[in-house]
Amino acid sequence: MPTGENLARKPVVVIVGRPNVGKSTLFNRLVGQRSAIVENIPGTTRDRLHAEVTYRDRQFGLIDTGGLEPDAESGYSVLIREQVRAAVTEADVILFVVDAVTGVTRTDSEIAEMLRPKKTSVLLLANKADNDSRRELAVEFFELGLGEPMPVSAYHDIGLREVLDRLSEVVPESRAEATVDELRLAVVGRPNVGKSALVNAILGEDRVIVSEASGTTRDAVDTRFLYRDKPLVLIDTAGIRRRGRIERGVEKYSVMRARQAIERCDIAILVLDATEKVAAQDLHVAGYVADAYKGMIVAVNKWDLLEDSEDSREAFARNVLRRLQFTPWAPLAFVSAKSGLNIDGLLDLGLEIAETRSHRIPTSEVNAVLREAVAANPPPSPRRRPLRIKYGTQAEVRPPTFVFFANDASLIHFSYRRYLENFLRKRFGFEGTAIKFEFRSRE
């Protein structure tokens, strides 16, 4: 199993506060991009969200957290509270955000009481102080006993330069770290198939919220860890639904984040529910992965609930292959996040696919196989002008990209593209990854 060691050696700054005080807006301003979902709905951010910030001579990891309700006894609020406490434990500096408009609340006082015993540096930010009267009201927060409040407005970008200046003073210097070639794995799938539970099983710790309710994970959450001495990044994402079933607002942004996670990963782990049939949403997600030319593993989760036999595995595999006809190259891994079944096998398969995606075929071998394929099945020529594929080469890796030169590339039919891909896969493998084909005209 992975060691769980965080490879990032940069200091950590954590943003905390009660719901709807503007933590995610502050996070986005400090990061310099829309990295967190921002909606005027209390409780939008649930899991911890990570980013890296460089300012002057300081580099640090920035963590956004969900709205903290210290007295919560049930529901998401309890889960969020545990996530915030875990983030605070990691923190070198804490940004405690309060609302200058509403003033000091009981929840603010309870959070301050939780933070005061910490030896960690705390900067108190009175947010939404976008005029003189609100900036004057910020002095009320002295009573929290956490030092002088800094009046800011994340929405209007007021006072944030001073916050960064202050962070550059209190954030400790980061230790030098070697550049590593990380393998990025994105856990994707439709809602409520057990993606977050699988992430926790892989990491061996509760780094993301797990709940029986669908739609729990909204942002993409990156976690670095080591497995067999190799650096990996695990990206947990929100469940993806078909476009017509995406609700407006937060879920729309969640799908966007999940698609972005697919774009920046090397291999996507498509999670299916073993107790349910392969659904249209599963095909939709697989299509996103294939269109992005990524590697893919189909992880059949909750396999502990079924009879584990060779016949049952083969029957399920046949059904998946019939439904996912456009990704026959994606291997299956039968796993259980609950029992830990085959978690190591899943990660080992990811490492194998990573090597496959980096494999380069010599041009001489590509052309030898190309000549053999054309001789066995010449390309159709729908027009009077015959199509001639002259030669090919592998131009790139990750994804494996092949460029073929023909007298007229417009004559290539998609069915013949598929034929060439299948022929090359038969000879060279490339199991577990999409292959990119480009056809160019050259007289």
Protein backbone atom coordinates (compact mmCIF):
# COMPACT_ATOMS: atom_id res chain seq x y z
CA MET A 1 0.00 0.00 0.00
CA PRO A 2 1.11 3.62 -0.46
CA THR A 3 3.07 5.23 2.28
CA GLY A 4 0.78 8.24 2.45
CA GLU A 5 3.82 10.51 2.63
CA ASN A 6 3.09 13.97 1.28
CA LEU A 7 5.81 14.79 -1.24
CA ALA A 8 5.15 18.53 -1.08
CA ARG A 9 7.67 20.17 1.24
CA LYS A 10 6.17 23.64 1.07
CA PRO A 11 4.59 25.32 4.12
CA VAL A 12 0.80 25.05 4.39
CA VAL A 13 -1.66 27.92 4.82
CA VAL A 14 -5.24 26.94 5.72
CA ILE A 15 -8.35 29.11 5.33
CA VAL A 16 -11.03 28.48 7.98
CA GLY A 17 -14.25 30.15 9.05
CA ARG A 18 -17.97 29.61 9.43
CA PRO A 19 -20.15 29.07 6.32
CA ASN A 20 -20.63 31.82 3.74
CA VAL A 21 -18.03 34.32 4.95
CA GLY A 22 -16.20 34.33 1.59
CA LYS A 23 -13.45 31.73 2.13
CA SER A 24 -13.57 30.36 -1.42
CA THR A 25 -13.57 33.84 -2.94
CA LEU A 26 -10.48 34.63 -0.88
CA PHE A 27 -8.89 31.34 -1.98
CA ASN A 28 -9.47 32.19 -5.65
CA ARG A 29 -8.02 35.68 -5.24
CA LEU A 30 -4.89 34.43 -3.53
CA VAL A 31 -4.38 31.64 -6.06
CA GLY A 32 -5.05 34.00 -8.94
CA GLN A 33 -7.58 31.80 -10.70
CA ARG A 34 -11.04 30.30 -10.19
CA SER A 35 -9.81 27.15 -8.48
CA ALA A 36 -12.71 26.79 -6.04
CA ILE A 37 -16.44 26.76 -6.66
CA VAL A 38 -17.91 30.09 -5.55
CA GLU A 39 -21.70 30.30 -5.10
CA ASN A 40 -23.78 32.43 -2.74
CA ILE A 41 -24.99 29.26 -1.01
CA PRO A 42 -23.86 28.34 2.52
CA GLY A 43 -21.90 25.08 2.57
CA THR A 44 -20.73 25.09 -1.06
CA THR A 45 -17.17 24.00 -0.20
CA ARG A 46 -17.08 20.67 1.61
CA ASP A 47 -13.76 18.91 1.07
CA ARG A 48 -10.37 20.50 1.49
CA LEU A 49 -9.16 22.15 -1.72
CA HIS A 50 -5.42 22.55 -2.38
CA ALA A 51 -3.41 24.95 -4.53
CA GLU A 52 0.13 26.30 -4.57
CA VAL A 53 0.94 30.00 -4.27
CA THR A 54 4.19 31.83 -4.94
CA TYR A 55 4.62 35.37 -3.61
CA ARG A 56 7.93 37.16 -3.49
CA ASP A 57 10.44 34.70 -2.02
CA ARG A 58 7.81 32.46 -0.42
CA GLN A 59 6.06 29.39 -1.75
CA PHE A 60 3.27 27.71 0.17
CA GLY A 61 0.36 25.35 -0.24
CA LEU A 62 -3.04 26.97 0.25
CA ILE A 63 -5.99 24.90 1.55
CA ASP A 64 -9.60 26.02 1.38
CA THR A 65 -11.98 24.29 3.80
CA GLY A 66 -15.72 23.94 4.25
CA GLY A 67 -17.74 26.17 6.56
CA LEU A 68 -17.04 25.21 10.17
CA GLU A 69 -19.86 24.63 12.65
CA PRO A 70 -18.22 23.47 15.91
CA ASP A 71 -21.47 22.35 17.59
CA ALA A 72 -22.75 20.29 14.67
CA GLU A 73 -23.99 16.84 15.72
CA SER A 74 -25.17 15.34 12.43
CA GLY A 75 -25.08 15.64 8.64
CA TYR A 76 -22.36 17.12 6.46
CA SER A 77 -21.40 19.66 9.11
CA VAL A 78 -19.87 16.93 11.29
CA LEU A 79 -17.87 15.58 8.35
CA ILE A 80 -16.73 19.09 7.40
CA ARG A 81 -15.63 19.77 10.97
CA GLU A 82 -13.36 16.71 10.92
CA GLN A 83 -11.90 17.80 7.58
CA VAL A 84 -11.19 21.29 8.92
CA ARG A 85 -9.51 19.90 12.01
CA ALA A 86 -7.33 17.68 9.82
CA ALA A 87 -6.36 20.70 7.71
CA VAL A 88 -5.59 22.84 10.76
CA THR A 89 -3.30 20.08 12.04
CA GLU A 90 -1.27 20.36 8.82
CA ALA A 91 -1.16 24.17 8.87
CA ASP A 92 1.87 26.41 9.34
CA VAL A 93 -0.38 29.51 9.13
CA ILE A 94 -4.18 29.82 9.53
CA LEU A 95 -6.28 32.48 7.81
CA PHE A 96 -9.39 32.85 10.01
CA VAL A 97 -12.07 34.58 7.92
CA VAL A 98 -14.97 36.44 9.57
CA ASP A 99 -17.74 38.63 8.17
CA ALA A 100 -17.39 42.37 8.84
CA VAL A 101 -21.05 42.92 7.91
CA THR A 102 -22.60 40.57 10.48
CA GLY A 103 -19.99 41.18 13.17
CA VAL A 104 -18.89 38.70 15.82
CA THR A 105 -21.13 35.63 16.03
CA ARG A 106 -21.26 32.79 18.51
CA THR A 107 -19.76 30.46 15.90
CA ASP A 108 -16.86 32.90 15.34
CA SER A 109 -16.16 32.85 19.08
CA GLU A 110 -16.25 29.05 19.19
CA ILE A 111 -13.84 28.78 16.26
CA ALA A 112 -11.52 31.33 17.88
CA GLU A 113 -11.59 29.29 21.09
CA MET A 114 -10.53 26.25 19.09
CA LEU A 115 -7.67 28.14 17.40
CA ARG A 116 -6.24 30.07 20.36
CA PRO A 117 -4.45 27.09 21.97
CA LYS A 118 -2.71 26.32 18.67
CA LYS A 119 0.93 27.34 18.35
CA THR A 120 0.25 28.02 14.66
CA SER A 121 0.27 31.65 13.46
CA VAL A 122 -3.29 32.95 12.91
CA LEU A 123 -4.18 35.93 10.72
CA LEU A 124 -7.67 37.26 11.41
CA LEU A 125 -9.33 38.59 8.23
CA ALA A 126 -12.51 40.67 8.48
CA ASN A 127 -13.94 40.05 5.00
CA LYS A 128 -16.52 42.11 3.07
CA ALA A 129 -15.05 45.33 4.49
CA ASP A 130 -15.48 47.22 1.22
CA ASN A 131 -16.24 50.70 2.63
CA ASP A 132 -15.09 52.93 5.49
CA SER A 133 -17.95 52.05 7.86
CA ARG A 134 -17.38 48.33 7.48
CA ARG A 135 -13.65 48.76 7.96
CA GLU A 136 -14.38 50.57 11.24
CA LEU A 137 -16.66 47.73 12.34
CA ALA A 138 -13.76 45.30 11.90
CA VAL A 139 -12.31 46.44 15.26
CA GLU A 140 -15.08 44.43 16.98
CA PHE A 141 -13.16 41.28 16.20
CA PHE A 142 -10.40 42.23 18.66
CA GLU A 143 -12.56 40.49 21.26
CA LEU A 144 -11.77 37.12 19.65
CA GLY A 145 -8.30 37.33 21.19
CA LEU A 146 -6.43 36.52 17.98
CA GLY A 147 -4.68 39.82 17.43
CA GLU A 148 -5.51 42.75 15.19
CA PRO A 149 -8.14 42.00 12.52
CA MET A 150 -7.19 42.86 8.94
CA PRO A 151 -10.12 44.44 7.04
CA VAL A 152 -10.31 42.99 3.51
CA SER A 153 -12.74 42.44 0.67
CA ALA A 154 -11.97 39.32 -1.32
CA TYR A 155 -14.73 40.09 -3.81
CA HIS A 156 -13.38 43.58 -4.55
CA ASP A 157 -9.70 42.62 -4.12
CA ILE A 158 -9.19 45.09 -1.27
CA GLY A 159 -6.47 44.50 1.29
CA LEU A 160 -5.27 41.23 -0.18
CA ARG A 161 -1.85 42.61 -1.07
CA GLU A 162 -1.38 43.37 2.63
CA VAL A 163 -2.46 39.81 3.45
CA LEU A 164 0.15 38.41 1.07
CA ASP A 165 2.79 40.75 2.50
CA ARG A 166 1.95 39.51 5.98
CA LEU A 167 2.06 35.89 4.82
CA SER A 168 5.51 36.44 3.32
CA GLU A 169 6.63 37.46 6.83
CA VAL A 170 5.09 34.62 8.85
CA VAL A 171 5.21 31.69 6.40
CA PRO A 172 8.38 29.66 7.04
CA GLU A 173 10.81 29.07 4.21
CA SER A 174 10.12 26.00 2.12
CA ARG A 175 12.69 23.25 2.03
CA ALA A 176 14.30 22.53 -1.33
CA GLU A 177 12.61 19.65 -3.12
CA ALA A 178 13.74 17.73 -6.14
CA THR A 179 11.67 17.82 -9.27
CA VAL A 180 9.74 14.57 -9.57
CA ASP A 181 7.85 13.03 -12.45
CA GLU A 182 4.48 12.37 -10.85
CA LEU A 183 1.87 9.97 -12.19
CA ARG A 184 -1.54 11.65 -11.95
CA LEU A 185 -4.56 9.40 -11.38
CA ALA A 186 -8.08 10.88 -11.55
CA VAL A 187 -10.91 8.94 -9.91
CA VAL A 188 -14.01 9.63 -12.03
CA GLY A 189 -17.51 8.30 -12.50
CA ARG A 190 -21.17 9.02 -12.02
CA PRO A 191 -22.43 10.02 -8.56
CA ASN A 192 -22.55 7.60 -5.64
CA VAL A 193 -20.51 4.70 -7.05
CA GLY A 194 -17.95 4.92 -4.24
CA LYS A 195 -15.26 7.19 -5.69
CA SER A 196 -14.35 8.93 -2.43
CA ALA A 197 -14.40 5.64 -0.53
CA LEU A 198 -11.99 4.22 -3.11
CA VAL A 199 -9.71 7.24 -2.67
CA ASN A 200 -9.68 6.67 1.09
CA ALA A 201 -8.93 2.97 0.57
CA ILE A 202 -6.00 3.83 -1.69
CA LEU A 203 -4.57 6.41 0.69
CA GLY A 204 -5.32 4.48 3.84
CA GLU A 205 -6.71 7.56 5.58
CA ASP A 206 -9.84 9.70 5.53
CA ARG A 207 -8.62 12.57 3.39
CA VAL A 208 -11.99 13.20 1.67
CA ILE A 209 -15.56 13.12 2.93
CA VAL A 210 -17.45 9.85 2.43
CA SER A 211 -21.24 9.83 2.70
CA GLU A 212 -24.11 7.64 1.54
CA ALA A 213 -25.75 10.68 -0.09
CA SER A 214 -24.95 11.25 -3.75
CA GLY A 215 -23.11 14.39 -4.82
CA THR A 216 -20.90 14.68 -1.71
CA THR A 217 -17.68 15.55 -3.53
CA ARG A 218 -17.88 18.78 -5.51
CA ASP A 219 -14.34 20.03 -6.06
CA ALA A 220 -11.40 18.05 -7.40
CA VAL A 221 -9.06 17.22 -4.51
CA ASP A 222 -5.37 16.41 -5.17
CA THR A 223 -3.37 14.24 -2.78
CA ARG A 224 0.27 13.28 -3.29
CA PHE A 225 1.59 9.97 -2.02
CA LEU A 226 4.22 7.31 -2.68
CA TYR A 227 3.51 3.81 -3.95
CA ARG A 228 6.35 1.35 -4.49
CA ASP A 229 8.72 4.34 -4.18
CA LYS A 230 7.00 6.10 -7.09
CA PRO A 231 5.37 9.54 -6.66
CA LEU A 232 1.68 9.59 -7.49
CA VAL A 233 -1.05 12.25 -7.34
CA LEU A 234 -4.60 11.10 -6.70
CA ILE A 235 -7.42 13.38 -7.86
CA ASP A 236 -10.86 12.79 -6.38
CA THR A 237 -13.64 14.40 -8.42
CA ALA A 238 -17.33 15.10 -8.30
CA GLY A 239 -19.66 12.60 -9.95
CA ILE A 240 -20.37 13.32 -13.62
CA ARG A 241 -23.88 13.05 -15.00
CA ARG A 242 -25.16 13.29 -18.53
CA ARG A 243 -25.42 16.89 -19.68
CA GLY A 244 -29.22 16.95 -19.65
CA ARG A 245 -29.26 15.84 -16.01
CA ILE A 246 -26.77 18.38 -14.67
CA GLU A 247 -28.39 20.77 -12.21
CA ARG A 248 -27.65 24.45 -12.52
CA GLY A 249 -25.28 26.11 -10.09
CA VAL A 250 -22.83 24.14 -8.00
CA GLU A 251 -23.17 20.81 -9.82
CA LYS A 252 -22.50 22.50 -13.15
CA TYR A 253 -19.17 23.70 -11.81
CA SER A 254 -18.48 20.26 -10.31
CA VAL A 255 -18.78 18.61 -13.72
CA MET A 256 -16.50 21.28 -15.17
CA ARG A 257 -13.91 20.56 -12.46
CA ALA A 258 -14.18 16.81 -13.09
CA ARG A 259 -13.61 17.28 -16.82
CA GLN A 260 -10.64 19.52 -16.03
CA ALA A 261 -9.30 16.77 -13.76
CA ILE A 262 -9.53 14.33 -16.67
CA GLU A 263 -7.66 16.80 -18.87
CA ARG A 264 -4.75 17.11 -16.43
CA CYS A 265 -4.47 13.47 -15.37
CA ASP A 266 -2.42 10.72 -16.97
CA ILE A 267 -4.78 7.88 -16.17
CA ALA A 268 -8.47 8.00 -15.25
CA ILE A 269 -9.90 5.37 -12.93
CA LEU A 270 -13.53 4.99 -14.07
CA VAL A 271 -15.45 3.65 -11.09
CA LEU A 272 -18.46 1.39 -11.73
CA ASP A 273 -20.90 -0.05 -9.20
CA ALA A 274 -20.77 -3.87 -9.36
CA THR A 275 -24.34 -4.09 -8.07
CA GLU A 276 -25.74 -2.01 -10.94
CA LYS A 277 -25.78 -2.31 -14.70
CA VAL A 278 -23.41 -0.21 -16.80
CA ALA A 279 -25.38 3.02 -17.23
CA ALA A 280 -25.47 5.66 -19.92
CA GLN A 281 -23.66 8.02 -17.54
CA ASP A 282 -20.77 5.55 -17.33
CA LEU A 283 -20.47 5.61 -21.12
CA HIS A 284 -20.56 9.40 -21.03
CA VAL A 285 -17.64 9.58 -18.58
CA ALA A 286 -15.63 7.01 -20.56
CA GLY A 287 -16.20 9.15 -23.63
CA TYR A 288 -14.66 12.16 -21.89
CA VAL A 289 -11.57 10.09 -21.04
CA ALA A 290 -11.21 8.67 -24.56
CA ASP A 291 -11.66 12.09 -26.16
CA ALA A 292 -8.84 13.43 -23.97
CA TYR A 293 -6.54 10.55 -25.06
CA LYS A 294 -5.85 9.43 -21.50
CA GLY A 295 -5.15 6.08 -19.98
CA MET A 296 -8.13 4.40 -18.32
CA ILE A 297 -8.83 1.62 -15.84
CA VAL A 298 -12.40 0.44 -15.30
CA ALA A 299 -12.59 -0.17 -11.53
CA VAL A 300 -15.56 -2.36 -10.66
CA ASN A 301 -16.23 -1.31 -7.06
CA LYS A 302 -18.30 -3.14 -4.38
CA TRP A 303 -17.20 -6.50 -5.81
CA ASP A 304 -17.31 -7.89 -2.25
CA LEU A 305 -21.11 -7.82 -2.50
CA LEU A 306 -21.08 -10.37 -5.35
CA GLU A 307 -19.86 -13.92 -5.66
CA ASP A 308 -16.19 -13.71 -6.62
CA SER A 309 -15.65 -16.42 -9.21
CA GLU A 310 -13.99 -16.63 -12.59
CA ASP A 311 -17.37 -17.08 -14.28
CA SER A 312 -18.88 -14.01 -12.61
CA ARG A 313 -15.86 -11.87 -13.50
CA GLU A 314 -15.98 -13.02 -17.12
CA ALA A 315 -19.71 -12.36 -17.35
CA PHE A 316 -19.32 -8.85 -15.96
CA ALA A 317 -16.35 -8.17 -18.24
CA ARG A 318 -18.36 -9.24 -21.29
CA ASN A 319 -21.14 -6.87 -20.33
CA VAL A 320 -18.72 -3.98 -19.83
CA LEU A 321 -16.98 -4.68 -23.14
CA ARG A 322 -20.34 -4.78 -24.92
CA ARG A 323 -21.32 -1.41 -23.46
CA LEU A 324 -17.88 0.25 -23.71
CA GLN A 325 -17.23 -0.81 -27.28
CA PHE A 326 -15.27 2.36 -28.02
CA THR A 327 -12.69 1.67 -25.27
CA PRO A 328 -11.91 -2.07 -25.61
CA TRP A 329 -8.34 -1.27 -24.61
CA ALA A 330 -9.30 -0.31 -21.03
CA PRO A 331 -8.58 -3.14 -18.53
CA LEU A 332 -10.92 -4.04 -15.67
CA ALA A 333 -9.97 -4.20 -12.01
CA PHE A 334 -12.42 -5.83 -9.58
CA VAL A 335 -12.07 -3.98 -6.27
CA SER A 336 -13.81 -3.18 -3.02
CA ALA A 337 -13.17 0.11 -1.29
CA LYS A 338 -14.89 -1.25 1.82
CA SER A 339 -12.85 -4.45 2.24
CA GLY A 340 -9.67 -3.31 0.48
CA LEU A 341 -9.97 -6.03 -2.17
CA ASN A 342 -7.35 -5.66 -4.95
CA ILE A 343 -6.40 -2.05 -4.15
CA ASP A 344 -2.72 -2.89 -4.68
CA GLY A 345 -3.60 -4.58 -7.97
CA LEU A 346 -5.39 -1.42 -9.10
CA LEU A 347 -2.32 0.73 -8.41
CA ASP A 348 0.03 -1.81 -9.99
CA LEU A 349 -2.12 -1.68 -13.12
CA GLY A 350 -1.81 2.11 -13.10
CA LEU A 351 1.99 1.87 -13.01
CA GLU A 352 1.96 -0.61 -15.91
CA ILE A 353 -0.24 1.67 -18.02
CA ALA A 354 2.07 4.61 -17.22
CA GLU A 355 4.98 2.67 -18.72
CA THR A 356 2.86 1.73 -21.74
CA ARG A 357 1.97 5.37 -22.38
CA SER A 358 5.69 6.20 -22.42
CA HIS A 359 6.61 3.40 -24.84
CA ARG A 360 8.06 4.53 -28.18
CA ILE A 361 8.08 2.34 -31.31
CA PRO A 362 10.98 2.80 -33.79
CA THR A 363 9.90 4.25 -37.13
CA SER A 364 11.19 1.22 -39.02
CA GLU A 365 8.89 -1.07 -37.01
CA VAL A 366 5.92 1.26 -37.46
CA ASN A 367 6.35 1.21 -41.22
CA ALA A 368 6.85 -2.55 -41.35
CA VAL A 369 3.54 -3.08 -39.55
CA LEU A 370 1.89 -0.38 -41.69
CA ARG A 371 2.92 -2.16 -44.90
CA GLU A 372 1.62 -5.44 -43.51
CA ALA A 373 -1.71 -3.88 -42.54
CA VAL A 374 -2.20 -2.22 -45.95
CA ALA A 375 -1.27 -5.43 -47.77
CA ALA A 376 -3.81 -7.42 -45.74
CA ASN A 377 -6.56 -4.84 -46.18
CA PRO A 378 -5.94 -2.02 -48.69
CA PRO A 379 -7.65 1.28 -47.87
CA PRO A 380 -10.90 1.87 -49.76
CA SER A 381 -10.83 4.60 -52.41
CA PRO A 382 -14.31 6.05 -52.76
CA ARG A 383 -13.18 8.43 -55.50
CA ARG A 384 -11.37 7.85 -58.73
CA ARG A 385 -8.14 8.97 -57.10
CA PRO A 386 -6.65 6.00 -55.19
CA LEU A 387 -5.62 6.50 -51.56
CA ARG A 388 -2.01 5.71 -50.80
CA ILE A 389 -0.63 5.73 -47.25
CA LYS A 390 3.08 6.29 -47.75
CA TYR A 391 4.67 6.00 -44.31
CA GLY A 392 4.15 6.61 -40.63
CA THR A 393 6.03 7.40 -37.43
CA GLN A 394 5.39 7.72 -33.72
CA ALA A 395 5.70 11.42 -33.03
CA GLU A 396 4.90 11.62 -29.30
CA VAL A 397 4.36 9.64 -26.11
CA ARG A 398 1.85 10.21 -23.30
CA PRO A 399 -0.37 9.74 -25.22
CA PRO A 400 1.21 7.56 -27.91
CA THR A 401 0.73 9.65 -31.06
CA PHE A 402 1.20 8.27 -34.56
CA VAL A 403 1.42 10.44 -37.69
CA PHE A 404 0.69 8.89 -41.09
CA PHE A 405 1.39 10.58 -44.41
CA ALA A 406 -0.86 9.94 -47.42
CA ASN A 407 -1.34 11.41 -50.85
CA ASP A 408 -4.74 12.76 -49.72
CA ALA A 409 -5.57 12.53 -46.02
CA SER A 410 -9.18 13.56 -46.64
CA LEU A 411 -9.81 10.14 -48.22
CA ILE A 412 -9.16 8.31 -44.91
CA HIS A 413 -12.43 6.84 -43.62
CA PHE A 414 -12.95 6.56 -39.87
CA SER A 415 -13.44 2.80 -40.17
CA TYR A 416 -9.98 2.45 -41.72
CA ARG A 417 -8.52 4.56 -38.91
CA ARG A 418 -10.03 2.06 -36.48
CA TYR A 419 -8.65 -0.84 -38.50
CA LEU A 420 -5.10 0.59 -38.38
CA GLU A 421 -5.41 1.26 -34.66
CA ASN A 422 -6.54 -2.30 -33.97
CA PHE A 423 -3.72 -3.66 -36.14
CA LEU A 424 -1.09 -1.61 -34.31
CA ARG A 425 -2.52 -2.57 -30.92
CA LYS A 426 -2.37 -6.24 -31.90
CA ARG A 427 1.36 -5.92 -32.66
CA PHE A 428 2.51 -3.35 -30.11
CA GLY A 429 0.02 -3.63 -27.24
CA PHE A 430 -0.75 -0.21 -25.73
CA GLU A 431 -3.29 -1.77 -23.39
CA GLY A 432 -4.84 0.73 -21.03
CA THR A 433 -4.32 3.91 -23.03
CA ALA A 434 -5.94 5.77 -25.85
CA ILE A 435 -3.85 6.22 -29.02
CA LYS A 436 -3.87 9.41 -31.04
CA PHE A 437 -3.75 9.12 -34.84
CA GLU A 438 -3.01 12.00 -37.22
CA PHE A 439 -3.17 11.77 -41.03
CA ARG A 440 -1.45 14.36 -43.19
CA SER A 441 -1.38 14.92 -46.91
CA ARG A 442 1.98 14.84 -48.67
CA GLU A 443 2.56 14.42 -52.38
